[in-house]
Protein backbone atom coordinates (compact mmCIF):
# COMPACT_ATOMS: atom_id res chain seq x y z
CA MET A 1 -0.01 -0.02 -0.03
CA LYS A 2 1.28 3.43 -0.93
CA THR A 3 1.81 6.15 1.62
CA LYS A 4 0.12 9.52 1.31
CA LYS A 5 3.50 11.10 0.37
CA GLN A 6 4.05 8.58 -2.42
CA ILE A 7 0.62 9.22 -3.89
CA LYS A 8 1.09 12.96 -3.76
CA LYS A 9 4.54 12.72 -5.44
CA GLU A 10 3.03 10.58 -8.18
CA ILE A 11 0.25 13.14 -8.70
CA VAL A 12 2.83 16.03 -8.91
CA VAL A 13 5.14 14.14 -11.37
CA ARG A 14 2.16 13.11 -13.52
CA ASN A 15 0.69 16.60 -13.68
CA MET A 16 3.85 18.72 -13.98
CA PRO A 17 4.02 18.83 -17.76
CA GLU A 18 0.46 20.16 -17.82
CA VAL A 19 1.09 22.70 -15.14
CA ALA A 20 4.27 24.33 -16.28
CA ASN A 21 5.47 24.92 -19.87
CA GLY A 22 8.86 23.65 -20.67
CA ILE A 23 9.03 21.09 -17.78
CA GLU A 24 10.21 18.55 -20.34
CA ASN A 25 13.34 20.69 -20.81
CA LEU A 26 14.38 20.44 -17.16
CA SER A 27 17.44 18.26 -16.33
CA GLU A 28 16.99 15.44 -13.87
CA GLU A 29 18.81 17.53 -11.31
CA GLU A 30 16.56 20.49 -11.75
CA LEU A 31 13.45 18.29 -11.65
CA ALA A 32 14.74 16.66 -8.43
CA ARG A 33 15.25 20.02 -6.77
CA TRP A 34 11.72 21.19 -7.77
CA LEU A 35 10.12 17.99 -6.52
CA CYS A 36 12.03 18.25 -3.22
CA LEU A 37 10.73 21.78 -2.83
CA VAL A 38 7.16 20.72 -3.55
CA GLU A 39 7.50 17.77 -1.15
CA GLY A 40 9.06 20.08 1.58
CA VAL A 41 6.32 22.67 1.25
CA ASP A 42 3.66 19.89 1.37
CA ILE A 43 5.32 18.53 4.68
CA ILE A 44 5.26 21.98 6.26
CA TYR A 45 1.67 22.53 5.29
CA ASP A 46 0.73 19.14 6.87
CA LYS A 47 2.56 20.19 9.99
CA PHE A 48 0.67 23.45 10.12
CA GLU A 49 -2.60 21.60 9.84
CA GLU A 50 -1.53 19.01 12.41
CA MET A 51 -0.64 21.81 14.86
CA GLU A 52 -3.84 23.63 13.97
CA MET A 53 -1.81 26.71 13.07
CA PRO A 54 -3.33 29.38 10.76
CA THR A 55 -2.25 28.87 7.17
CA ASN A 56 -2.88 32.52 6.20
CA LEU A 57 -0.04 35.14 6.30
CA ALA A 58 -1.10 36.92 9.48
CA GLY A 59 1.52 36.62 12.17
CA THR A 60 3.77 34.28 10.21
CA LYS A 61 6.76 36.57 9.59
CA LYS A 62 8.67 35.03 12.52
CA TYR A 63 8.44 31.61 10.83
CA ILE A 64 9.75 32.65 7.43
CA LYS A 65 13.44 32.41 8.26
CA ARG A 66 12.97 29.12 10.04
CA ILE A 67 10.98 27.71 7.14
CA ASP A 68 13.59 28.91 4.59
CA ARG A 69 16.36 27.15 6.52
CA ALA A 70 14.30 24.02 6.99
CA LEU A 71 13.44 23.85 3.25
CA GLY A 72 17.11 24.37 2.26
CA LYS A 73 18.22 21.63 4.68
CA TYR A 74 15.37 19.34 3.46
CA ILE A 75 16.25 19.82 -0.21
CA LYS A 76 19.94 19.20 0.50
CA GLU A 77 19.27 15.96 2.45
CA ARG A 78 16.54 14.67 0.11
CA PHE A 79 18.15 15.62 -3.24
CA ASN A 80 20.10 12.48 -3.95
CA ALA A 81 17.27 10.10 -3.02
CA MET A 82 14.86 12.10 -5.19
CA LEU A 83 17.40 12.05 -8.10
CA SER A 84 17.63 8.23 -7.71
CA ASP A 85 13.85 7.99 -7.70
CA ILE A 86 13.61 10.00 -10.89
CA ARG A 87 16.28 7.93 -12.67
CA LEU A 88 14.59 4.68 -11.48
CA GLU A 89 11.19 5.91 -12.66
CA LYS A 90 12.62 6.93 -16.07
CA ALA A 91 14.34 3.53 -16.40
CA ASN A 92 11.13 1.76 -15.72
CA GLY A 93 9.22 3.93 -18.15
CA GLN A 94 6.99 5.59 -15.45
CA LEU A 95 8.46 9.01 -16.18
CA THR A 96 9.16 10.36 -19.69
């Protein structure tokens, strides 16, 4: 059974060419970084919901620097695994 994160990633990968023009021209590395960013933002949003924090911009300035650092760290740590996932999906014909 697939996890919620795996399902969301599949939806994002499947719909990206329709959402953004030129996505086909991205290198594997660029695609991996974008997908890490999308995944990281999704995790942050889930945590906001879990903690029942407001998701509007009111009163969130103090979180911006922390979120920026957290996203940068997440992308750096997740990048190689995401790149491997993309290459594996391309090799299996799941991603073109």
